[in-house]
Protein backbone atom coordinates (compact mmCIF):
# COMPACT_ATOMS: atom_id res chain seq x y z
CA MET A 1 83.67 57.49 133.63
CA MET A 2 84.51 60.91 132.46
CA SER A 3 84.42 63.48 135.10
CA SER A 4 82.48 66.38 135.82
CA LEU A 5 84.88 68.74 135.13
CA ALA A 6 86.38 66.53 132.15
CA ARG A 7 82.51 66.43 131.04
CA ALA A 8 82.10 70.27 131.30
CA ALA A 9 85.25 70.90 129.07
CA ALA A 10 83.82 68.70 126.56
CA LEU A 11 80.59 70.55 126.22
CA ALA A 12 82.35 73.83 125.77
CA ILE A 13 84.13 72.62 123.34
CA GLY A 14 81.44 71.38 121.54
CA LEU A 15 79.49 74.71 122.19
CA ALA A 16 82.54 76.57 120.77
CA SER A 17 82.62 74.77 117.53
CA LEU A 18 79.10 74.92 117.17
CA LEU A 19 79.04 78.89 117.64
CA ALA A 20 82.21 79.24 115.08
CA GLY A 21 80.19 76.91 112.57
CA ALA A 22 76.92 78.81 112.69
CA ALA A 23 79.14 82.12 112.86
CA ILE A 24 80.43 81.30 109.31
CA ALA A 25 77.03 80.04 107.69
CA GLY A 26 76.93 80.37 104.19
CA GLY A 27 80.17 80.91 103.48
CA TYR A 28 80.53 84.70 105.71
CA GLU A 29 81.06 86.10 109.00
CA ARG A 30 79.00 88.38 110.84
CA VAL A 31 81.34 90.89 112.45
CA ARG A 32 81.33 94.31 114.42
CA ILE A 33 83.15 97.86 113.35
CA PRO A 34 83.42 100.45 115.67
CA HIS A 35 81.99 103.38 114.42
CA ASP A 36 81.66 106.50 116.68
CA ASP A 37 79.70 105.76 119.42
CA TYR A 38 77.71 102.75 118.36
CA GLN A 39 78.75 99.41 116.58
CA LEU A 40 78.32 98.83 112.62
CA ASP A 41 77.25 95.45 112.16
CA GLY A 42 78.59 93.82 108.68
CA VAL A 43 79.31 90.43 107.38
CA MET A 44 82.79 89.46 105.83
CA TYR A 45 84.26 86.76 103.56
CA ARG A 46 87.25 85.57 104.07
CA PRO A 47 89.66 83.58 101.98
CA ASP A 48 91.57 80.53 103.48
CA GLY A 49 94.86 80.58 104.13
CA PRO A 50 96.37 83.37 106.65
CA GLY A 51 96.90 85.98 103.83
CA PRO A 52 97.51 88.98 103.59
CA PHE A 53 94.91 89.48 101.35
CA PRO A 54 93.76 92.47 99.48
CA ALA A 55 90.16 93.53 100.42
CA ILE A 56 87.06 95.13 99.47
CA VAL A 57 84.24 97.54 101.21
CA ALA A 58 81.54 97.11 99.32
CA MET A 59 78.39 99.27 100.43
CA HIS A 60 74.48 97.91 99.33
CA GLY A 61 71.86 99.78 97.73
CA CYS A 62 68.76 101.20 99.02
CA GLY A 63 67.14 97.89 99.70
CA GLY A 64 69.88 96.83 102.01
CA LEU A 65 72.10 94.26 103.14
CA TRP A 66 69.34 91.35 103.89
CA ARG A 67 67.26 89.13 102.05
CA ASP A 68 65.53 88.34 105.62
CA ALA A 69 66.24 88.35 109.05
CA ASP A 70 69.06 85.47 108.22
CA ARG A 71 69.71 85.14 104.50
CA LEU A 72 71.76 88.09 102.77
CA SER A 73 70.08 89.03 99.62
CA THR A 74 71.24 87.34 96.33
CA ARG A 75 72.69 89.58 94.71
CA HIS A 76 75.80 90.13 97.63
CA SER A 77 75.91 86.62 98.43
CA ASP A 78 76.79 85.98 94.88
CA TRP A 79 78.94 88.67 94.49
CA GLY A 80 80.55 87.73 98.14
CA GLU A 81 81.08 84.18 97.37
CA ARG A 82 82.71 85.58 93.46
CA LEU A 83 84.85 87.96 94.91
CA VAL A 84 86.34 85.57 98.14
CA ALA A 85 87.09 83.04 95.72
CA ALA A 86 89.09 85.52 94.03
CA GLY A 87 90.84 86.12 96.76
CA PHE A 88 89.58 89.37 98.49
CA ILE A 89 88.17 89.79 101.87
CA VAL A 90 84.99 90.98 101.31
CA LEU A 91 83.21 93.59 104.27
CA MET A 92 79.91 94.24 103.37
CA PRO A 93 79.07 97.03 106.28
CA ASP A 94 75.09 97.31 107.37
CA SER A 95 74.24 100.73 106.95
CA TYR A 96 70.49 100.19 107.88
CA GLY A 97 70.21 97.33 109.80
CA SER A 98 72.89 98.75 112.43
CA ARG A 99 70.52 101.61 112.67
CA GLY A 100 67.15 99.44 112.99
CA LEU A 101 66.32 100.67 109.92
CA GLY A 102 65.00 98.68 107.17
CA SER A 103 64.30 98.95 103.01
CA GLN A 104 64.74 103.09 102.28
CA CYS A 105 64.27 102.95 98.27
CA GLY A 106 60.50 104.25 99.18
CA VAL A 107 61.82 107.26 102.05
CA LYS A 108 61.91 110.72 100.62
CA GLU A 109 63.69 112.04 103.80
CA VAL A 110 66.61 109.74 104.54
CA THR A 111 68.39 110.26 107.38
CA ILE A 112 71.46 107.65 106.29
CA ARG A 113 72.54 109.53 103.32
CA ALA A 114 74.68 108.34 100.34
CA SER A 115 77.28 111.18 100.91
CA ARG A 116 77.28 111.71 104.46
CA GLU A 117 76.46 108.54 106.69
CA ARG A 118 76.99 105.88 104.15
CA VAL A 119 80.40 107.29 103.47
CA GLY A 120 81.35 107.71 106.94
CA ASP A 121 80.77 104.06 107.52
CA ALA A 122 82.69 103.11 104.05
CA MET A 123 85.81 104.60 106.41
CA ALA A 124 84.87 102.84 109.29
CA ALA A 125 84.78 99.70 107.29
CA ARG A 126 88.47 100.63 105.94
CA ARG A 127 89.45 101.28 109.42
CA TRP A 128 88.65 98.20 110.87
CA LEU A 129 90.13 95.96 108.10
CA GLN A 130 93.38 97.92 108.31
CA GLU A 131 93.79 96.99 111.80
CA ARG A 132 93.58 93.01 110.79
CA PRO A 133 97.08 91.20 110.11
CA ASP A 134 95.22 89.45 107.02
CA VAL A 135 94.52 92.19 105.66
CA GLN A 136 96.88 94.35 102.75
CA ARG A 137 96.44 97.47 104.63
CA ASP A 138 96.97 99.50 100.73
CA ALA A 139 95.19 97.23 99.08
CA ILE A 140 91.18 98.32 99.93
CA SER A 141 89.07 98.98 97.15
CA LEU A 142 85.31 100.38 97.31
CA LEU A 143 82.20 98.60 95.53
CA GLY A 144 79.12 99.86 95.86
CA TRP A 145 75.45 99.17 94.14
CA SER A 146 72.78 101.99 93.15
CA GLY A 147 72.76 104.28 96.54
CA GLY A 148 75.81 102.20 97.32
CA GLY A 149 76.92 103.37 94.08
CA SER A 150 76.28 106.79 95.12
CA THR A 151 78.09 106.88 98.29
CA ILE A 152 80.88 105.31 96.32
CA LEU A 153 81.07 109.09 93.93
CA ALA A 154 81.17 110.63 97.38
CA ALA A 155 84.09 108.87 98.78
CA ILE A 156 86.04 108.93 96.37
CA ARG A 157 86.25 113.17 95.92
CA THR A 158 89.61 114.58 96.63
CA ASP A 159 88.05 116.64 99.70
CA ARG A 160 86.64 113.51 101.40
CA ARG A 161 90.60 111.93 101.61
CA PRO A 162 90.86 110.44 104.73
CA ALA A 163 92.80 112.22 107.38
CA ASP A 164 93.71 109.73 109.54
CA ARG A 165 97.18 108.95 107.55
CA ARG A 166 96.53 105.46 107.02
CA PRO A 167 96.79 104.15 103.26
CA ASP A 168 93.64 105.41 101.57
CA PHE A 169 91.70 103.25 98.97
CA SER A 170 93.08 101.84 96.13
CA ARG A 171 90.19 101.90 93.93
CA ALA A 172 86.43 101.78 93.36
CA VAL A 173 83.86 100.50 91.50
CA ALA A 174 80.15 101.77 91.29
CA PHE A 175 76.98 100.12 89.70
CA TYR A 176 73.97 102.09 88.63
CA PRO A 177 75.12 105.34 90.57
CA GLY A 178 73.12 108.21 91.06
CA CYS A 179 75.31 110.39 89.42
CA ARG A 180 73.23 113.75 89.07
CA THR A 181 74.57 115.30 92.59
CA GLN A 182 78.33 115.01 91.99
CA SER A 183 78.21 115.59 88.22
CA GLU A 184 76.37 118.93 89.24
CA SER A 185 79.38 120.20 91.79
CA ARG A 186 81.83 122.37 90.61
CA SER A 187 84.30 120.53 93.37
CA PHE A 188 83.97 117.47 92.07
CA GLU A 189 87.27 115.70 91.81
CA ALA A 190 88.01 111.90 91.93
CA ARG A 191 91.26 110.77 93.58
CA LEU A 192 90.86 107.04 92.67
CA PRO A 193 90.52 105.05 89.59
CA THR A 194 86.91 104.13 89.07
CA LEU A 195 84.79 102.24 87.23
CA ILE A 196 81.16 103.07 86.76
CA LEU A 197 78.81 100.18 85.07
CA MET A 198 75.46 100.47 84.15
CA GLY A 199 72.66 99.95 81.41
CA ASP A 200 71.70 102.68 79.02
CA ALA A 201 68.08 102.00 79.52
CA ASP A 202 68.14 102.58 83.22
CA ASP A 203 65.06 104.57 83.46
CA TRP A 204 66.12 104.68 87.99
CA THR A 205 69.36 106.08 87.63
CA PRO A 206 69.61 107.75 84.24
CA PRO A 207 73.28 107.29 82.38
CA ALA A 208 73.44 110.75 81.30
CA PRO A 209 74.73 112.36 84.35
CA CYS A 210 77.18 109.61 84.89
CA ASP A 211 78.54 110.00 81.11
CA PHE A 212 78.66 113.99 81.85
CA LEU A 213 80.63 113.40 85.13
CA ALA A 214 83.10 110.53 83.63
CA LYS A 215 84.24 112.72 80.51
CA ALA A 216 84.40 115.61 82.90
CA ALA A 217 86.73 113.41 84.69
CA ARG A 218 88.87 112.24 82.11
CA ALA A 219 89.13 115.85 80.51
CA ARG A 220 91.24 116.81 84.10
CA GLY A 221 92.93 113.58 83.80
CA GLU A 222 91.39 111.28 86.16
CA ALA A 223 90.91 107.43 86.02
CA VAL A 224 87.14 107.51 85.85
CA GLN A 225 85.45 105.01 83.23
CA LEU A 226 81.83 104.34 82.25
CA VAL A 227 81.17 101.40 80.93
CA LEU A 228 77.17 101.46 79.58
CA TYR A 229 75.02 98.17 78.21
CA PRO A 230 72.78 98.31 75.59
CA GLY A 231 69.43 97.64 76.61
CA ALA A 232 70.28 96.61 80.32
CA VAL A 233 68.38 98.60 82.91
CA HIS A 234 68.79 98.66 86.89
CA ASP A 235 69.70 95.68 88.53
CA PHE A 236 71.15 94.23 85.67
CA ASP A 237 73.79 92.18 87.77
CA HIS A 238 71.55 90.37 89.86
CA PRO A 239 72.22 86.52 89.54
CA ARG A 240 68.11 86.18 88.66
CA LEU A 241 65.85 88.82 89.03
CA ASP A 242 62.98 88.41 85.99
CA ARG A 243 62.70 91.84 83.95
CA ARG A 244 59.95 93.61 85.63
CA GLU A 245 58.49 97.29 86.62
CA LYS A 246 59.07 98.04 90.64
CA GLU A 247 56.88 100.74 92.64
CA GLY A 248 56.91 102.99 95.68
CA ILE A 249 60.07 104.26 94.70
CA ALA A 250 60.77 107.85 96.41
CA PHE A 251 62.91 109.15 93.91
CA THR A 252 62.13 108.33 90.33
CA PRO A 253 63.19 110.19 86.92
CA SER A 254 59.88 109.88 85.62
CA GLY A 255 58.15 110.95 89.01
CA THR A 256 56.03 108.24 89.03
CA GLY A 257 57.22 105.92 91.46
CA LYS A 258 58.02 103.58 89.00
CA VAL A 259 61.22 102.00 87.66
CA THR A 260 62.35 98.94 85.44
CA VAL A 261 64.81 96.26 87.12
CA GLY A 262 66.01 93.08 86.19
CA THR A 263 69.51 90.92 85.30
CA ASP A 264 70.60 91.35 81.63
CA PRO A 265 72.63 87.76 80.97
CA ALA A 266 75.16 89.28 78.73
CA ALA A 267 75.64 92.74 80.61
CA ARG A 268 76.53 90.81 84.14
CA GLU A 269 78.76 88.19 82.37
CA ASP A 270 81.13 91.16 81.12
CA ALA A 271 80.47 93.05 84.51
CA ILE A 272 81.75 90.31 86.55
CA ARG A 273 84.72 89.95 84.24
CA ARG A 274 85.77 93.38 84.37
CA VAL A 275 85.34 94.09 88.07
CA LYS A 276 87.35 91.21 88.74
CA GLU A 277 90.14 92.57 86.12
CA PHE A 278 90.10 96.02 87.20
CA LEU A 279 90.78 95.19 91.07
CA MET A 280 93.11 92.95 90.54
CA GLY A 281 94.78 96.06 88.87
CA LYS A 282 94.89 94.48 84.91
């Protein structure tokens, strides 16, 4: 007969195993990142093995990180699985859910700004990763979509260089960011190699300001590359999003609150290849 102490120990081990399995459900683990006076929630994808691994801080767009309470949005889970398979630790901070907010796409008076609070979130994520023994401290890149892409452009400025004397981010990728603010800033200078990917038919974040920003950066000798995909629109890298009109957007070039979104298979395939090669330094 098993003693009551042994039975309790076996129950505790079984419960711990169950909780560990739940924590990594879907291939990711939920994590909490210390940030100022609160905890920043996020999810992390991690390759098998001891590491150390290169890492990516991936910033979601205005729609947030989650599809529902227990399921990542399809884009984030797709990229997380692809990048972890390529050998990266992928950390996705939840800038909105951590603060009790839902989608901000239709909010005009945003309180969590791409160029301020969300840059702070990215920096906190970098510091958290650099404290882990399984992370290459000098090989942490940035990646972001739409509003998260705008955060990337703000974070790579030379005047936003980290002051903590730790290794800086190494590279940056921005999917269809809003470039107008940075392109109009006389003090914008990129300190990191940066890849911007967008469709030339994007009517949510038009490519013209990004084209101006990239050309001006290259003229100064900065490593900023823009790739424009013919006919592609916002969200072109989504795994399966039928092309459609989306309404209720707070800021649109047309002023109607309507934009076009949808997957472009050819652009998506090329972007997947480019992102992996770029982040691996090829």
